[in-house]
Amino acid sequence: MRVRRIYEAVEPDDGVRVLVDRLWPRGVSKARAQLDDWCKDVAPSTELREWYGHDPERYDEFARRYELELKEPAQTAAFARLREFAGGRLTLLTATKELEISQAAVLAELLQKK
C-alpha cells in the first residue's frame, strides 16, 4: 500500500488508484488522474478537516477523531470498499502536501491493521 499525491505522475506499480479527498484536487483532470475510484465518503468531515488544518501538533488528535468518524455508517461503507482494494496493490491519493500527516496516512495505517 502506498500514499501519494494526486499531482505525481502515474507509476506502473500503483495498482488500484483511489482518491481519498472529499474535494476534487485543483488543476487535475479526470483523465490525468487515472483513478480506479474516488472514495470521497471516506474523507474526514469538513469540520474535522478545518479544525485540523494540517497542524502537526494536532495530528494525533486528528487521527483519533478521524478514526471515530470512520465508524459512522456512510464512512464505514466507504472504508469497507477501500479494504476490498487493499487485498492487492493499492495507492491512496490525496492533494495534501504533507503525506505523513494526512488522512491518507491514517487510512493506510488502519487498513494495514485490519
PDB file of N, CA and C in Angstrom:
ATOM      1  N   MET A   1       0.842  -1.171   0.000  1.00  0.00           N
ATOM      2  CA  MET A   1       0.000   0.000   0.000  1.00  0.00           C
ATOM      3  C   MET A   1       0.891   1.239   0.000  1.00  0.00           C
ATOM      4  N   ARG A   2       0.451   2.214  -0.775  1.00  0.00           N
ATOM      5  CA  ARG A   2       1.215   3.458  -0.872  1.00  0.00           C
ATOM      6  C   ARG A   2       0.291   4.644  -0.673  1.00  0.00           C
ATOM      7  N   VAL A   3       0.892   5.737  -0.222  1.00  0.00           N
ATOM      8  CA  VAL A   3       0.211   7.022  -0.117  1.00  0.00           C
ATOM      9  C   VAL A   3       1.001   7.982  -0.996  1.00  0.00           C
ATOM     10  N   ARG A   4       0.301   8.605  -1.957  1.00  0.00           N
ATOM     11  CA  ARG A   4       0.971   9.504  -2.890  1.00  0.00           C
ATOM     12  C   ARG A   4       0.106  10.724  -3.137  1.00  0.00           C
ATOM     13  N   ARG A   5       0.738  11.759  -3.655  1.00  0.00           N
ATOM     14  CA  ARG A   5      -0.003  12.957  -4.061  1.00  0.00           C
ATOM     15  C   ARG A   5      -0.616  12.721  -5.429  1.00  0.00           C
ATOM     16  N   ILE A   6      -1.812  13.215  -5.619  1.00  0.00           N
ATOM     17  CA  ILE A   6      -2.520  13.086  -6.892  1.00  0.00           C
ATOM     18  C   ILE A   6      -1.773  13.809  -8.008  1.00  0.00           C
ATOM     19  N   TYR A   7      -0.943  14.775  -7.651  1.00  0.00           N
ATOM     20  CA  TYR A   7      -0.209  15.575  -8.630  1.00  0.00           C
ATOM     21  C   TYR A   7       1.019  14.856  -9.183  1.00  0.00           C
ATOM     22  N   GLU A   8       1.420  13.756  -8.578  1.00  0.00           N
ATOM     23  CA  GLU A   8       2.576  12.997  -9.056  1.00  0.00           C
ATOM     24  C   GLU A   8       2.171  12.165 -10.277  1.00  0.00           C
ATOM     25  N   ALA A   9       3.140  11.876 -11.110  1.00  0.00           N
ATOM     26  CA  ALA A   9       2.883  11.072 -12.301  1.00  0.00           C
ATOM     27  C   ALA A   9       2.451   9.657 -11.915  1.00  0.00           C
ATOM     28  N   VAL A  10       1.580   9.093 -12.714  1.00  0.00           N
ATOM     29  CA  VAL A  10       1.140   7.713 -12.521  1.00  0.00           C
ATOM     30  C   VAL A  10       2.333   6.793 -12.721  1.00  0.00           C
ATOM     31  N   GLU A  11       2.453   5.790 -11.847  1.00  0.00           N
ATOM     32  CA  GLU A  11       3.533   4.811 -11.971  1.00  0.00           C
ATOM     33  C   GLU A  11       2.937   3.440 -12.254  1.00  0.00           C
ATOM     34  N   PRO A  12       3.648   2.610 -13.008  1.00  0.00           N
ATOM     35  CA  PRO A  12       3.113   1.294 -13.374  1.00  0.00           C
ATOM     36  C   PRO A  12       2.759   0.418 -12.164  1.00  0.00           C
ATOM     37  N   ASP A  13       3.472   0.578 -11.048  1.00  0.00           N
ATOM     38  CA  ASP A  13       3.207  -0.266  -9.877  1.00  0.00           C
ATOM     39  C   ASP A  13       2.238   0.368  -8.876  1.00  0.00           C
ATOM     40  N   ASP A  14       1.468   1.377  -9.309  1.00  0.00           N
ATOM     41  CA  ASP A  14       0.474   1.990  -8.416  1.00  0.00           C
ATOM     42  C   ASP A  14      -0.641   1.021  -8.054  1.00  0.00           C
ATOM     43  N   GLY A  15      -0.938   0.087  -8.911  1.00  0.00           N
ATOM     44  CA  GLY A  15      -2.068  -0.804  -8.645  1.00  0.00           C
ATOM     45  C   GLY A  15      -3.370  -0.034  -8.743  1.00  0.00           C
ATOM     46  N   VAL A  16      -4.278  -0.299  -7.835  1.00  0.00           N
ATOM     47  CA  VAL A  16      -5.556   0.394  -7.797  1.00  0.00           C
ATOM     48  C   VAL A  16      -5.322   1.786  -7.225  1.00  0.00           C
ATOM     49  N   ARG A  17      -5.753   2.799  -7.971  1.00  0.00           N
ATOM     50  CA  ARG A  17      -5.548   4.196  -7.576  1.00  0.00           C
ATOM     51  C   ARG A  17      -6.872   4.773  -7.071  1.00  0.00           C
ATOM     52  N   VAL A  18      -6.874   5.185  -5.791  1.00  0.00           N
ATOM     53  CA  VAL A  18      -8.101   5.692  -5.177  1.00  0.00           C
ATOM     54  C   VAL A  18      -7.837   7.058  -4.556  1.00  0.00           C
ATOM     55  N   LEU A  19      -8.614   8.044  -4.984  1.00  0.00           N
ATOM     56  CA  LEU A  19      -8.564   9.373  -4.381  1.00  0.00           C
ATOM     57  C   LEU A  19      -9.387   9.338  -3.105  1.00  0.00           C
ATOM     58  N   VAL A  20      -8.799   9.795  -1.986  1.00  0.00           N
ATOM     59  CA  VAL A  20      -9.482   9.742  -0.689  1.00  0.00           C
ATOM     60  C   VAL A  20      -9.764  11.139  -0.140  1.00  0.00           C
ATOM     61  N   ASP A  21      -9.827  12.137  -0.997  1.00  0.00           N
ATOM     62  CA  ASP A  21     -10.182  13.503  -0.612  1.00  0.00           C
ATOM     63  C   ASP A  21     -11.662  13.734  -0.891  1.00  0.00           C
ATOM     64  N   ARG A  22     -12.287  14.570  -0.090  1.00  0.00           N
ATOM     65  CA  ARG A  22     -13.690  14.919  -0.298  1.00  0.00           C
ATOM     66  C   ARG A  22     -13.864  15.852  -1.496  1.00  0.00           C
ATOM     67  N   LEU A  23     -12.881  16.738  -1.697  1.00  0.00           N
ATOM     68  CA  LEU A  23     -12.946  17.707  -2.786  1.00  0.00           C
ATOM     69  C   LEU A  23     -12.020  17.285  -3.917  1.00  0.00           C
ATOM     70  N   TRP A  24     -12.453  17.546  -5.151  1.00  0.00           N
ATOM     71  CA  TRP A  24     -11.606  17.220  -6.299  1.00  0.00           C
ATOM     72  C   TRP A  24     -10.411  18.165  -6.297  1.00  0.00           C
ATOM     73  N   PRO A  25      -9.199  17.654  -6.504  1.00  0.00           N
ATOM     74  CA  PRO A  25      -7.992  18.491  -6.486  1.00  0.00           C
ATOM     75  C   PRO A  25      -7.940  19.478  -7.649  1.00  0.00           C
ATOM     76  N   ARG A  26      -7.510  20.669  -7.346  1.00  0.00           N
ATOM     77  CA  ARG A  26      -7.400  21.722  -8.364  1.00  0.00           C
ATOM     78  C   ARG A  26      -6.374  21.353  -9.429  1.00  0.00           C
ATOM     79  N   GLY A  27      -6.727  21.672 -10.660  1.00  0.00           N
ATOM     80  CA  GLY A  27      -5.778  21.532 -11.758  1.00  0.00           C
ATOM     81  C   GLY A  27      -5.532  20.118 -12.239  1.00  0.00           C
ATOM     82  N   VAL A  28      -6.314  19.151 -11.775  1.00  0.00           N
ATOM     83  CA  VAL A  28      -6.117  17.762 -12.192  1.00  0.00           C
ATOM     84  C   VAL A  28      -7.357  17.310 -12.962  1.00  0.00           C
ATOM     85  N   SER A  29      -7.159  16.931 -14.207  1.00  0.00           N
ATOM     86  CA  SER A  29      -8.287  16.420 -14.984  1.00  0.00           C
ATOM     87  C   SER A  29      -8.537  14.962 -14.599  1.00  0.00           C
ATOM     88  N   LYS A  30      -9.742  14.516 -14.842  1.00  0.00           N
ATOM     89  CA  LYS A  30     -10.058  13.115 -14.546  1.00  0.00           C
ATOM     90  C   LYS A  30      -9.216  12.173 -15.401  1.00  0.00           C
ATOM     91  N   ALA A  31      -8.927  12.578 -16.629  1.00  0.00           N
ATOM     92  CA  ALA A  31      -8.095  11.753 -17.497  1.00  0.00           C
ATOM     93  C   ALA A  31      -6.673  11.632 -16.942  1.00  0.00           C
ATOM     94  N   ARG A  32      -6.127  12.746 -16.488  1.00  0.00           N
ATOM     95  CA  ARG A  32      -4.767  12.740 -15.940  1.00  0.00           C
ATOM     96  C   ARG A  32      -4.684  11.954 -14.631  1.00  0.00           C
ATOM     97  N   ALA A  33      -5.733  12.010 -13.840  1.00  0.00           N
ATOM     98  CA  ALA A  33      -5.725  11.332 -12.533  1.00  0.00           C
ATOM     99  C   ALA A  33      -5.673   9.815 -12.673  1.00  0.00           C
ATOM    100  N   GLN A  34      -6.283   9.298 -13.726  1.00  0.00           N
ATOM    101  CA  GLN A  34      -6.315   7.845 -13.968  1.00  0.00           C
ATOM    102  C   GLN A  34      -6.728   7.071 -12.712  1.00  0.00           C
ATOM    103  N   LEU A  35      -7.871   7.451 -12.157  1.00  0.00           N
ATOM    104  CA  LEU A  35      -8.363   6.820 -10.940  1.00  0.00           C
ATOM    105  C   LEU A  35      -9.152   5.560 -11.229  1.00  0.00           C
ATOM    106  N   ASP A  36      -9.088   4.648 -10.276  1.00  0.00           N
ATOM    107  CA  ASP A  36      -9.973   3.496 -10.297  1.00  0.00           C
ATOM    108  C   ASP A  36     -11.225   3.792  -9.475  1.00  0.00           C
ATOM    109  N   ASP A  37     -11.084   4.702  -8.507  1.00  0.00           N
ATOM    110  CA  ASP A  37     -12.220   5.073  -7.672  1.00  0.00           C
ATOM    111  C   ASP A  37     -11.936   6.408  -6.992  1.00  0.00           C
ATOM    112  N   TRP A  38     -12.999   7.117  -6.690  1.00  0.00           N
ATOM    113  CA  TRP A  38     -12.922   8.339  -5.879  1.00  0.00           C
ATOM    114  C   TRP A  38     -13.787   8.066  -4.664  1.00  0.00           C
ATOM    115  N   CYS A  39     -13.163   7.805  -3.558  1.00  0.00           N
ATOM    116  CA  CYS A  39     -13.852   7.390  -2.338  1.00  0.00           C
ATOM    117  C   CYS A  39     -14.000   8.594  -1.406  1.00  0.00           C
ATOM    118  N   LYS A  40     -14.815   9.563  -1.814  1.00  0.00           N
ATOM    119  CA  LYS A  40     -14.919  10.811  -1.051  1.00  0.00           C
ATOM    120  C   LYS A  40     -15.628  10.625   0.279  1.00  0.00           C
ATOM    121  N   ASP A  41     -16.470   9.594   0.418  1.00  0.00           N
ATOM    122  CA  ASP A  41     -17.160   9.380   1.692  1.00  0.00           C
ATOM    123  C   ASP A  41     -16.241   8.878   2.795  1.00  0.00           C
ATOM    124  N   VAL A  42     -15.033   8.486   2.451  1.00  0.00           N
ATOM    125  CA  VAL A  42     -14.083   8.042   3.473  1.00  0.00           C
ATOM    126  C   VAL A  42     -13.260   9.222   4.007  1.00  0.00           C
ATOM    127  N   ALA A  43     -13.374  10.364   3.378  1.00  0.00           N
ATOM    128  CA  ALA A  43     -12.607  11.558   3.794  1.00  0.00           C
ATOM    129  C   ALA A  43     -13.155  12.116   5.110  1.00  0.00           C
ATOM    130  N   PRO A  44     -12.316  12.828   5.849  1.00  0.00           N
ATOM    131  CA  PRO A  44     -12.801  13.438   7.098  1.00  0.00           C
ATOM    132  C   PRO A  44     -13.864  14.496   6.818  1.00  0.00           C
ATOM    133  N   SER A  45     -14.704  14.726   7.806  1.00  0.00           N
ATOM    134  CA  SER A  45     -15.733  15.757   7.674  1.00  0.00           C
ATOM    135  C   SER A  45     -15.087  17.116   7.458  1.00  0.00           C
ATOM    136  N   THR A  46     -15.843  18.019   6.872  1.00  0.00           N
ATOM    137  CA  THR A  46     -15.355  19.381   6.662  1.00  0.00           C
ATOM    138  C   THR A  46     -14.957  20.007   7.992  1.00  0.00           C
ATOM    139  N   GLU A  47     -15.775  19.790   9.009  1.00  0.00           N
ATOM    140  CA  GLU A  47     -15.486  20.364  10.328  1.00  0.00           C
ATOM    141  C   GLU A  47     -14.154  19.862  10.884  1.00  0.00           C
ATOM    142  N   LEU A  48     -13.935  18.548  10.792  1.00  0.00           N
ATOM    143  CA  LEU A  48     -12.685  17.986  11.304  1.00  0.00           C
ATOM    144  C   LEU A  48     -11.494  18.466  10.472  1.00  0.00           C
ATOM    145  N   ARG A  49     -11.657  18.477   9.168  1.00  0.00           N
ATOM    146  CA  ARG A  49     -10.570  18.922   8.281  1.00  0.00           C
ATOM    147  C   ARG A  49     -10.187  20.369   8.571  1.00  0.00           C
ATOM    148  N   GLU A  50     -11.188  21.227   8.741  1.00  0.00           N
ATOM    149  CA  GLU A  50     -10.899  22.635   9.015  1.00  0.00           C
ATOM    150  C   GLU A  50     -10.284  22.827  10.401  1.00  0.00           C
ATOM    151  N   TRP A  51     -10.752  22.072  11.391  1.00  0.00           N
ATOM    152  CA  TRP A  51     -10.160  22.156  12.731  1.00  0.00           C
ATOM    153  C   TRP A  51      -8.686  21.746  12.690  1.00  0.00           C
ATOM    154  N   TYR A  52      -8.404  20.666  11.982  1.00  0.00           N
ATOM    155  CA  TYR A  52      -7.051  20.126  11.917  1.00  0.00           C
ATOM    156  C   TYR A  52      -6.090  21.064  11.199  1.00  0.00           C
ATOM    157  N   GLY A  53      -6.454  21.503  10.011  1.00  0.00           N
ATOM    158  CA  GLY A  53      -5.612  22.427   9.259  1.00  0.00           C
ATOM    159  C   GLY A  53      -4.195  21.949   9.013  1.00  0.00           C
ATOM    160  N   HIS A  54      -3.960  20.641   9.049  1.00  0.00           N
ATOM    161  CA  HIS A  54      -2.641  20.033   8.864  1.00  0.00           C
ATOM    162  C   HIS A  54      -1.589  20.586   9.824  1.00  0.00           C
ATOM    163  N   ASP A  55      -2.037  20.898  11.028  1.00  0.00           N
ATOM    164  CA  ASP A  55      -1.138  21.328  12.100  1.00  0.00           C
ATOM    165  C   ASP A  55      -0.499  20.075  12.697  1.00  0.00           C
ATOM    166  N   PRO A  56       0.815  19.901  12.543  1.00  0.00           N
ATOM    167  CA  PRO A  56       1.469  18.683  13.043  1.00  0.00           C
ATOM    168  C   PRO A  56       1.210  18.420  14.532  1.00  0.00           C
ATOM    169  N   GLU A  57       1.030  19.463  15.304  1.00  0.00           N
ATOM    170  CA  GLU A  57       0.769  19.279  16.739  1.00  0.00           C
ATOM    171  C   GLU A  57      -0.614  18.699  17.000  1.00  0.00           C
ATOM    172  N   ARG A  58      -1.512  18.804  16.042  1.00  0.00           N
ATOM    173  CA  ARG A  58      -2.866  18.276  16.201  1.00  0.00           C
ATOM    174  C   ARG A  58      -3.049  16.909  15.535  1.00  0.00           C
ATOM    175  N   TYR A  59      -1.999  16.380  14.921  1.00  0.00           N
ATOM    176  CA  TYR A  59      -2.145  15.155  14.142  1.00  0.00           C
ATOM    177  C   TYR A  59      -2.683  13.984  14.964  1.00  0.00           C
ATOM    178  N   ASP A  60      -2.127  13.732  16.123  1.00  0.00           N
ATOM    179  CA  ASP A  60      -2.571  12.582  16.913  1.00  0.00           C
ATOM    180  C   ASP A  60      -4.052  12.692  17.271  1.00  0.00           C
ATOM    181  N   GLU A  61      -4.476  13.885  17.669  1.00  0.00           N
ATOM    182  CA  GLU A  61      -5.892  14.085  17.998  1.00  0.00           C
ATOM    183  C   GLU A  61      -6.746  13.991  16.734  1.00  0.00           C
ATOM    184  N   PHE A  62      -6.245  14.512  15.629  1.00  0.00           N
ATOM    185  CA  PHE A  62      -6.951  14.388  14.354  1.00  0.00           C
ATOM    186  C   PHE A  62      -7.158  12.916  14.016  1.00  0.00           C
ATOM    187  N   ALA A  63      -6.095  12.126  14.111  1.00  0.00           N
ATOM    188  CA  ALA A  63      -6.181  10.700  13.778  1.00  0.00           C
ATOM    189  C   ALA A  63      -7.205  10.002  14.666  1.00  0.00           C
ATOM    190  N   ARG A  64      -7.232  10.341  15.951  1.00  0.00           N
ATOM    191  CA  ARG A  64      -8.191   9.736  16.882  1.00  0.00           C
ATOM    192  C   ARG A  64      -9.621  10.105  16.487  1.00  0.00           C
ATOM    193  N   ARG A  65      -9.861  11.390  16.232  1.00  0.00           N
ATOM    194  CA  ARG A  65     -11.207  11.845  15.856  1.00  0.00           C
ATOM    195  C   ARG A  65     -11.630  11.281  14.503  1.00  0.00           C
ATOM    196  N   TYR A  66     -10.693  11.202  13.602  1.00  0.00           N
ATOM    197  CA  TYR A  66     -10.981  10.680  12.268  1.00  0.00           C
ATOM    198  C   TYR A  66     -11.375   9.209  12.349  1.00  0.00           C
ATOM    199  N   GLU A  67     -10.661   8.450  13.150  1.00  0.00           N
ATOM    200  CA  GLU A  67     -10.993   7.037  13.314  1.00  0.00           C
ATOM    201  C   GLU A  67     -12.417   6.883  13.868  1.00  0.00           C
ATOM    202  N   LEU A  68     -12.810   7.771  14.763  1.00  0.00           N
ATOM    203  CA  LEU A  68     -14.188   7.745  15.279  1.00  0.00           C
ATOM    204  C   LEU A  68     -15.191   8.058  14.165  1.00  0.00           C
ATOM    205  N   GLU A  69     -14.883   9.039  13.321  1.00  0.00           N
ATOM    206  CA  GLU A  69     -15.769   9.363  12.201  1.00  0.00           C
ATOM    207  C   GLU A  69     -15.935   8.177  11.254  1.00  0.00           C
ATOM    208  N   LEU A  70     -14.897   7.399  11.095  1.00  0.00           N
ATOM    209  CA  LEU A  70     -14.953   6.254  10.184  1.00  0.00           C
ATOM    210  C   LEU A  70     -15.902   5.161  10.677  1.00  0.00           C
ATOM    211  N   LYS A  71     -16.397   5.303  11.894  1.00  0.00           N
ATOM    212  CA  LYS A  71     -17.352   4.333  12.442  1.00  0.00           C
ATOM    213  C   LYS A  71     -18.798   4.722  12.147  1.00  0.00           C
ATOM    214  N   GLU A  72     -19.000   5.890  11.545  1.00  0.00           N
ATOM    215  CA  GLU A  72     -20.338   6.314  11.127  1.00  0.00           C
ATOM    216  C   GLU A  72     -20.750   5.483   9.905  1.00  0.00           C
ATOM    217  N   PRO A  73     -22.056   5.235   9.709  1.00  0.00           N
ATOM    218  CA  PRO A  73     -22.496   4.321   8.635  1.00  0.00           C
ATOM    219  C   PRO A  73     -21.949   4.617   7.236  1.00  0.00           C
ATOM    220  N   ALA A  74     -22.038   5.843   6.757  1.00  0.00           N
ATOM    221  CA  ALA A  74     -21.557   6.139   5.398  1.00  0.00           C
ATOM    222  C   ALA A  74     -20.050   5.940   5.298  1.00  0.00           C
ATOM    223  N   GLN A  75     -19.323   6.357   6.311  1.00  0.00           N
ATOM    224  CA  GLN A  75     -17.874   6.203   6.292  1.00  0.00           C
ATOM    225  C   GLN A  75     -17.475   4.737   6.442  1.00  0.00           C
ATOM    226  N   THR A  76     -18.229   3.982   7.231  1.00  0.00           N
ATOM    227  CA  THR A  76     -17.926   2.560   7.401  1.00  0.00           C
ATOM    228  C   THR A  76     -18.031   1.828   6.072  1.00  0.00           C
ATOM    229  N   ALA A  77     -19.056   2.144   5.299  1.00  0.00           N
ATOM    230  CA  ALA A  77     -19.222   1.513   3.985  1.00  0.00           C
ATOM    231  C   ALA A  77     -18.080   1.894   3.048  1.00  0.00           C
ATOM    232  N   ALA A  78     -17.701   3.153   3.065  1.00  0.00           N
ATOM    233  CA  ALA A  78     -16.600   3.609   2.206  1.00  0.00           C
ATOM    234  C   ALA A  78     -15.285   2.954   2.623  1.00  0.00           C
ATOM    235  N   PHE A  79     -15.046   2.836   3.925  1.00  0.00           N
ATOM    236  CA  PHE A  79     -13.828   2.197   4.419  1.00  0.00           C
ATOM    237  C   PHE A  79     -13.810   0.713   4.026  1.00  0.00           C
ATOM    238  N   ALA A  80     -14.960   0.068   4.083  1.00  0.00           N
ATOM    239  CA  ALA A  80     -15.047  -1.344   3.682  1.00  0.00           C
ATOM    240  C   ALA A  80     -14.680  -1.502   2.208  1.00  0.00           C
ATOM    241  N   ARG A  81     -15.096  -0.538   1.390  1.00  0.00           N
ATOM    242  CA  ARG A  81     -14.740  -0.571  -0.039  1.00  0.00           C
ATOM    243  C   ARG A  81     -13.224  -0.470  -0.210  1.00  0.00           C
ATOM    244  N   LEU A  82     -12.594   0.411   0.553  1.00  0.00           N
ATOM    245  CA  LEU A  82     -11.124   0.521   0.496  1.00  0.00           C
ATOM    246  C   LEU A  82     -10.477  -0.787   0.934  1.00  0.00           C
ATOM    247  N   ARG A  83     -11.027  -1.406   1.951  1.00  0.00           N
ATOM    248  CA  ARG A  83     -10.477  -2.664   2.457  1.00  0.00           C
ATOM    249  C   ARG A  83     -10.492  -3.729   1.359  1.00  0.00           C
ATOM    250  N   GLU A  84     -11.540  -3.725   0.527  1.00  0.00           N
ATOM    251  CA  GLU A  84     -11.596  -4.673  -0.592  1.00  0.00           C
ATOM    252  C   GLU A  84     -10.430  -4.460  -1.549  1.00  0.00           C
ATOM    253  N   PHE A  85     -10.116  -3.199  -1.822  1.00  0.00           N
ATOM    254  CA  PHE A  85      -8.993  -2.881  -2.710  1.00  0.00           C
ATOM    255  C   PHE A  85      -7.653  -3.246  -2.094  1.00  0.00           C
ATOM    256  N   ALA A  86      -7.577  -3.229  -0.768  1.00  0.00           N
ATOM    257  CA  ALA A  86      -6.310  -3.436  -0.064  1.00  0.00           C
ATOM    258  C   ALA A  86      -5.798  -4.871  -0.175  1.00  0.00           C
ATOM    259  N   GLY A  87      -6.577  -5.764  -0.761  1.00  0.00           N
ATOM    260  CA  GLY A  87      -6.114  -7.130  -0.962  1.00  0.00           C
ATOM    261  C   GLY A  87      -4.986  -7.218  -1.978  1.00  0.00           C
ATOM    262  N   GLY A  88      -4.872  -6.210  -2.822  1.00  0.00           N
ATOM    263  CA  GLY A  88      -3.812  -6.158  -3.833  1.00  0.00           C
ATOM    264  C   GLY A  88      -3.038  -4.863  -3.675  1.00  0.00           C
ATOM    265  N   ARG A  89      -2.362  -4.466  -4.714  1.00  0.00           N
ATOM    266  CA  ARG A  89      -1.596  -3.219  -4.697  1.00  0.00           C
ATOM    267  C   ARG A  89      -2.567  -2.044  -4.689  1.00  0.00           C
ATOM    268  N   LEU A  90      -2.467  -1.179  -3.689  1.00  0.00           N
ATOM    269  CA  LEU A  90      -3.374  -0.050  -3.520  1.00  0.00           C
ATOM    270  C   LEU A  90      -2.566   1.222  -3.306  1.00  0.00           C
ATOM    271  N   THR A  91      -2.928   2.272  -4.041  1.00  0.00           N
ATOM    272  CA  THR A  91      -2.326   3.587  -3.848  1.00  0.00           C
ATOM    273  C   THR A  91      -3.432   4.550  -3.447  1.00  0.00           C
ATOM    274  N   LEU A  92      -3.297   5.105  -2.233  1.00  0.00           N
ATOM    275  CA  LEU A  92      -4.227   6.114  -1.740  1.00  0.00           C
ATOM    276  C   LEU A  92      -3.699   7.475  -2.174  1.00  0.00           C
ATOM    277  N   LEU A  93      -4.543   8.231  -2.839  1.00  0.00           N
ATOM    278  CA  LEU A  93      -4.136   9.518  -3.404  1.00  0.00           C
ATOM    279  C   LEU A  93      -4.811  10.672  -2.683  1.00  0.00           C
ATOM    280  N   THR A  94      -4.060  11.749  -2.500  1.00  0.00           N
ATOM    281  CA  THR A  94      -4.559  12.945  -1.855  1.00  0.00           C
ATOM    282  C   THR A  94      -3.855  14.157  -2.457  1.00  0.00           C
ATOM    283  N   ALA A  95      -4.478  15.317  -2.315  1.00  0.00           N
ATOM    284  CA  ALA A  95      -3.856  16.559  -2.782  1.00  0.00           C
ATOM    285  C   ALA A  95      -2.933  17.150  -1.724  1.00  0.00           C
ATOM    286  N   THR A  96      -3.010  16.647  -0.527  1.00  0.00           N
ATOM    287  CA  THR A  96      -2.238  17.158   0.596  1.00  0.00           C
ATOM    288  C   THR A  96      -0.743  17.152   0.319  1.00  0.00           C
ATOM    289  N   LYS A  97      -0.057  18.212   0.734  1.00  0.00           N
ATOM    290  CA  LYS A  97       1.398  18.294   0.539  1.00  0.00           C
ATOM    291  C   LYS A  97       2.163  17.454   1.543  1.00  0.00           C
ATOM    292  N   GLU A  98       1.654  17.349   2.764  1.00  0.00           N
ATOM    293  CA  GLU A  98       2.360  16.636   3.830  1.00  0.00           C
ATOM    294  C   GLU A  98       1.730  15.260   4.030  1.00  0.00           C
ATOM    295  N   LEU A  99       2.184  14.314   3.236  1.00  0.00           N
ATOM    296  CA  LEU A  99       1.584  12.986   3.225  1.00  0.00           C
ATOM    297  C   LEU A  99       1.625  12.288   4.572  1.00  0.00           C
ATOM    298  N   GLU A 100       2.707  12.460   5.312  1.00  0.00           N
ATOM    299  CA  GLU A 100       2.871  11.718   6.557  1.00  0.00           C
ATOM    300  C   GLU A 100       1.897  12.156   7.654  1.00  0.00           C
ATOM    301  N   ILE A 101       1.252  13.314   7.481  1.00  0.00           N
ATOM    302  CA  ILE A 101       0.261  13.761   8.471  1.00  0.00           C
ATOM    303  C   ILE A 101      -1.093  14.004   7.796  1.00  0.00           C
ATOM    304  N   SER A 102      -1.402  13.189   6.813  1.00  0.00           N
ATOM    305  CA  SER A 102      -2.645  13.338   6.050  1.00  0.00           C
ATOM    306  C   SER A 102      -3.666  12.281   6.447  1.00  0.00           C
ATOM    307  N   GLN A 103      -4.900  12.481   6.006  1.00  0.00           N
ATOM    308  CA  GLN A 103      -5.922  11.466   6.238  1.00  0.00           C
ATOM    309  C   GLN A 103      -5.572  10.184   5.504  1.00  0.00           C
ATOM    310  N   ALA A 104      -4.873  10.296   4.373  1.00  0.00           N
ATOM    311  CA  ALA A 104      -4.458   9.108   3.633  1.00  0.00           C
ATOM    312  C   ALA A 104      -3.492   8.265   4.463  1.00  0.00           C
ATOM    313  N   ALA A 105      -2.634   8.916   5.238  1.00  0.00           N
ATOM    314  CA  ALA A 105      -1.707   8.187   6.110  1.00  0.00           C
ATOM    315  C   ALA A 105      -2.471   7.455   7.205  1.00  0.00           C
ATOM    316  N   VAL A 106      -3.487   8.109   7.755  1.00  0.00           N
ATOM    317  CA  VAL A 106      -4.324   7.469   8.779  1.00  0.00           C
ATOM    318  C   VAL A 106      -5.026   6.249   8.180  1.00  0.00           C
ATOM    319  N   LEU A 107      -5.601   6.423   6.997  1.00  0.00           N
ATOM    320  CA  LEU A 107      -6.291   5.321   6.332  1.00  0.00           C
ATOM    321  C   LEU A 107      -5.348   4.154   6.059  1.00  0.00           C
ATOM    322  N   ALA A 108      -4.154   4.452   5.560  1.00  0.00           N
ATOM    323  CA  ALA A 108      -3.184   3.400   5.262  1.00  0.00           C
ATOM    324  C   ALA A 108      -2.846   2.616   6.521  1.00  0.00           C
ATOM    325  N   GLU A 109      -2.654   3.316   7.616  1.00  0.00           N
ATOM    326  CA  GLU A 109      -2.337   2.638   8.881  1.00  0.00           C
ATOM    327  C   GLU A 109      -3.494   1.749   9.330  1.00  0.00           C
ATOM    328  N   LEU A 110      -4.710   2.260   9.240  1.00  0.00           N
ATOM    329  CA  LEU A 110      -5.881   1.484   9.648  1.00  0.00           C
ATOM    330  C   LEU A 110      -6.095   0.277   8.746  1.00  0.00           C
ATOM    331  N   LEU A 111      -5.881   0.449   7.458  1.00  0.00           N
ATOM    332  CA  LEU A 111      -6.057  -0.669   6.526  1.00  0.00           C
ATOM    333  C   LEU A 111      -5.011  -1.750   6.748  1.00  0.00           C
ATOM    334  N   GLN A 112      -3.821  -1.356   7.135  1.00  0.00           N
ATOM    335  CA  GLN A 112      -2.770  -2.340   7.371  1.00  0.00           C
ATOM    336  C   GLN A 112      -3.010  -3.120   8.669  1.00  0.00           C
ATOM    337  N   LYS A 113      -3.713  -2.501   9.608  1.00  0.00           N
ATOM    338  CA  LYS A 113      -4.027  -3.179  10.877  1.00  0.00           C
ATOM    339  C   LYS A 113      -5.087  -4.258  10.711  1.00  0.00           C
ATOM    340  N   LYS A 114      -6.047  -4.014   9.808  1.00  0.00           N
ATOM    341  CA  LYS A 114      -7.230  -4.870   9.740  1.00  0.00           C
ATOM    342  C   LYS A 114      -7.111  -5.935   8.682  1.00  0.00           C
TER     343      LYS A 114
END
